[in-house]
């Protein structure tokens, strides 16, 4: 089964995402949009937007390391550790820093991409988790290529 993806505006971030089932949470310092799938081709997709003092490319790079530690997959069978790869990525409207992780989570081989962007005022964290196979990688790249950031103010 393939997850239908349409262009969605999630606060300041516009990207291809599932139209149905997106959960929105408003918190003290920002907003979170999250979707959880059935595991067939897209496990999870989340977008967070919050105010930041790290509104530079270096700030996005520094924050990426902290984000990668949150869901660090275990090693794939036969590997000593999960793989981690930094990515060169352009996101329209923001400075971006991104990395991929591959490994095992709850018995599933997974591929996770974390993209941290900033427009100078807000920091945006996009996480995409897919099965670690060719179709999952294609979906991951398709969603990543669709990322755009536009000016947005956190509603009071």
Protein backbone atom coordinates (compact mmCIF):
# COMPACT_ATOMS: atom_id res chain seq x y z
CA UNK A 1 0.00 0.00 0.00
CA UNK A 2 1.37 3.41 -0.92
CA UNK A 3 0.81 6.48 1.23
CA UNK A 4 -0.80 9.32 -0.73
CA UNK A 5 1.31 12.47 -0.40
CA UNK A 6 0.04 15.95 -1.22
CA UNK A 7 1.60 19.39 -0.75
CA UNK A 8 0.85 20.50 2.82
CA UNK A 9 1.67 23.72 4.66
CA UNK A 10 2.63 22.83 8.22
CA UNK A 11 3.26 26.21 9.77
CA UNK A 12 6.34 27.62 8.02
CA UNK A 13 7.27 24.35 6.32
CA UNK A 14 5.69 23.26 3.07
CA UNK A 15 6.29 19.68 1.91
CA UNK A 16 4.74 16.54 0.51
CA UNK A 17 2.98 14.81 3.39
CA UNK A 18 0.00 12.54 4.01
CA UNK A 19 -3.23 14.52 3.80
CA UNK A 20 -5.11 12.54 6.44
CA UNK A 21 -4.15 11.73 10.00
CA UNK A 22 -1.74 14.60 10.67
CA UNK A 23 -1.74 15.45 14.38
CA UNK A 24 -0.98 19.04 15.48
CA UNK A 25 0.28 19.96 18.94
CA UNK A 26 0.83 23.50 20.14
CA UNK A 27 3.45 23.84 22.88
CA UNK A 28 4.99 26.66 24.88
CA UNK A 29 7.77 27.41 22.40
CA UNK A 30 6.32 26.25 19.11
CA UNK A 31 4.29 23.74 17.15
CA UNK A 32 4.60 20.07 16.19
CA UNK A 33 2.89 18.24 13.35
CA UNK A 34 3.19 14.45 13.37
CA UNK A 35 1.93 11.58 11.25
CA UNK A 36 2.33 7.88 12.03
CA UNK A 37 1.86 5.33 9.28
CA UNK A 38 1.15 1.63 9.10
CA UNK A 39 4.78 0.80 8.32
CA UNK A 40 4.23 -0.23 4.73
CA UNK A 41 6.19 2.60 3.11
CA UNK A 42 6.36 5.48 5.59
CA UNK A 43 6.72 4.89 9.31
CA UNK A 44 6.60 8.48 10.62
CA UNK A 45 6.84 12.07 9.46
CA UNK A 46 7.11 15.00 11.84
CA UNK A 47 7.70 18.74 11.51
CA UNK A 48 8.47 20.99 14.47
CA UNK A 49 8.73 24.79 14.38
CA UNK A 50 9.88 26.84 17.34
CA UNK A 51 11.50 30.14 18.14
CA UNK A 52 15.29 30.01 18.30
CA UNK A 53 18.39 31.92 19.21
CA UNK A 54 20.38 29.66 16.88
CA UNK A 55 19.20 31.39 13.72
CA UNK A 56 22.30 30.68 11.61
CA UNK A 57 23.56 27.83 9.46
CA UNK A 58 26.03 26.95 12.25
CA UNK A 59 23.15 26.86 14.74
CA UNK A 60 21.21 24.47 12.52
CA UNK A 61 24.29 22.24 12.22
CA UNK A 62 24.81 22.20 15.99
CA UNK A 63 21.16 21.40 16.66
CA UNK A 64 21.22 18.56 14.12
CA UNK A 65 23.62 16.58 16.34
CA UNK A 66 21.19 16.76 19.29
CA UNK A 67 18.28 15.69 17.08
CA UNK A 68 20.18 12.68 15.74
CA UNK A 69 20.75 11.39 19.27
CA UNK A 70 17.01 11.25 20.01
CA UNK A 71 16.16 8.29 17.79
CA UNK A 72 19.43 6.56 17.21
CA UNK A 73 18.63 3.21 15.62
CA UNK A 74 20.44 0.14 16.77
CA UNK A 75 22.93 -1.49 14.42
CA UNK A 76 21.59 -3.55 11.54
CA UNK A 77 22.16 -7.30 11.92
CA UNK A 78 25.86 -8.00 11.35
CA UNK A 79 26.90 -4.35 11.76
CA UNK A 80 28.72 -2.95 14.77
CA UNK A 81 26.88 0.38 14.80
CA UNK A 82 24.16 2.25 12.92
CA UNK A 83 25.37 4.20 9.91
CA UNK A 84 25.19 7.99 9.88
CA UNK A 85 25.76 10.17 6.82
CA UNK A 86 25.81 13.97 6.61
CA UNK A 87 23.97 15.39 3.58
CA UNK A 88 24.51 18.49 1.49
CA UNK A 89 20.98 19.79 1.09
CA UNK A 90 19.38 22.97 -0.25
CA UNK A 91 16.03 24.01 1.20
CA UNK A 92 14.38 27.03 -0.37
CA UNK A 93 13.91 29.83 2.18
CA UNK A 94 16.25 28.59 4.92
CA UNK A 95 19.73 27.54 5.95
CA UNK A 96 19.72 23.74 6.23
CA UNK A 97 21.69 20.96 7.82
CA UNK A 98 20.74 17.31 7.31
CA UNK A 99 21.87 13.78 8.00
CA UNK A 100 20.69 10.22 7.47
CA UNK A 101 20.79 7.32 9.91
CA UNK A 102 20.25 3.68 9.03
CA UNK A 103 19.90 0.77 11.39
CA UNK A 104 17.32 -1.28 13.22
CA UNK A 105 14.35 -0.14 15.32
CA UNK A 106 12.08 -2.76 16.93
CA UNK A 107 13.19 -5.45 14.50
CA UNK A 108 12.71 -3.28 11.39
CA UNK A 109 15.55 -2.05 9.19
CA UNK A 110 14.94 1.70 8.97
CA UNK A 111 16.33 4.78 7.28
CA UNK A 112 15.80 8.11 9.04
CA UNK A 113 16.47 11.57 7.66
CA UNK A 114 16.62 14.59 9.94
CA UNK A 115 16.60 18.06 8.37
CA UNK A 116 17.15 21.11 10.59
CA UNK A 117 16.42 24.46 8.95
CA UNK A 118 16.29 28.03 10.16
CA UNK A 119 15.10 31.26 8.62
CA UNK A 120 16.84 33.31 11.33
CA UNK A 121 13.75 33.56 13.53
CA UNK A 122 12.43 30.00 13.78
CA UNK A 123 14.10 26.62 13.81
CA UNK A 124 12.32 23.81 11.95
CA UNK A 125 13.07 20.13 12.45
CA UNK A 126 11.74 17.63 9.91
CA UNK A 127 12.11 13.90 10.64
CA UNK A 128 11.22 11.21 8.13
CA UNK A 129 11.44 7.51 8.98
CA UNK A 130 11.02 4.89 6.24
CA UNK A 131 11.79 1.20 5.75
CA UNK A 132 15.40 0.73 4.63
CA UNK A 133 14.76 -0.47 1.08
CA UNK A 134 14.66 1.07 -2.39
CA UNK A 135 11.01 2.19 -2.25
CA UNK A 136 11.60 3.76 1.18
CA UNK A 137 14.66 5.64 -0.09
CA UNK A 138 12.72 6.94 -3.10
CA UNK A 139 9.92 8.19 -0.85
CA UNK A 140 12.45 9.80 1.49
CA UNK A 141 14.12 11.65 -1.38
CA UNK A 142 10.76 12.74 -2.82
CA UNK A 143 9.64 14.26 0.49
CA UNK A 144 13.02 15.90 1.08
CA UNK A 145 13.09 17.50 -2.39
CA UNK A 146 9.66 19.02 -1.70
CA UNK A 147 10.78 20.90 1.47
CA UNK A 148 10.29 24.68 1.39
CA UNK A 149 10.37 27.22 4.22
CA UNK A 150 8.35 30.43 4.17
CA UNK A 151 8.13 33.32 6.64
CA UNK A 152 5.74 32.53 9.47
CA UNK A 153 5.08 33.82 12.96
CA UNK A 154 4.14 31.56 15.82
CA UNK A 155 0.54 32.53 16.65
CA UNK A 156 0.12 34.06 20.09
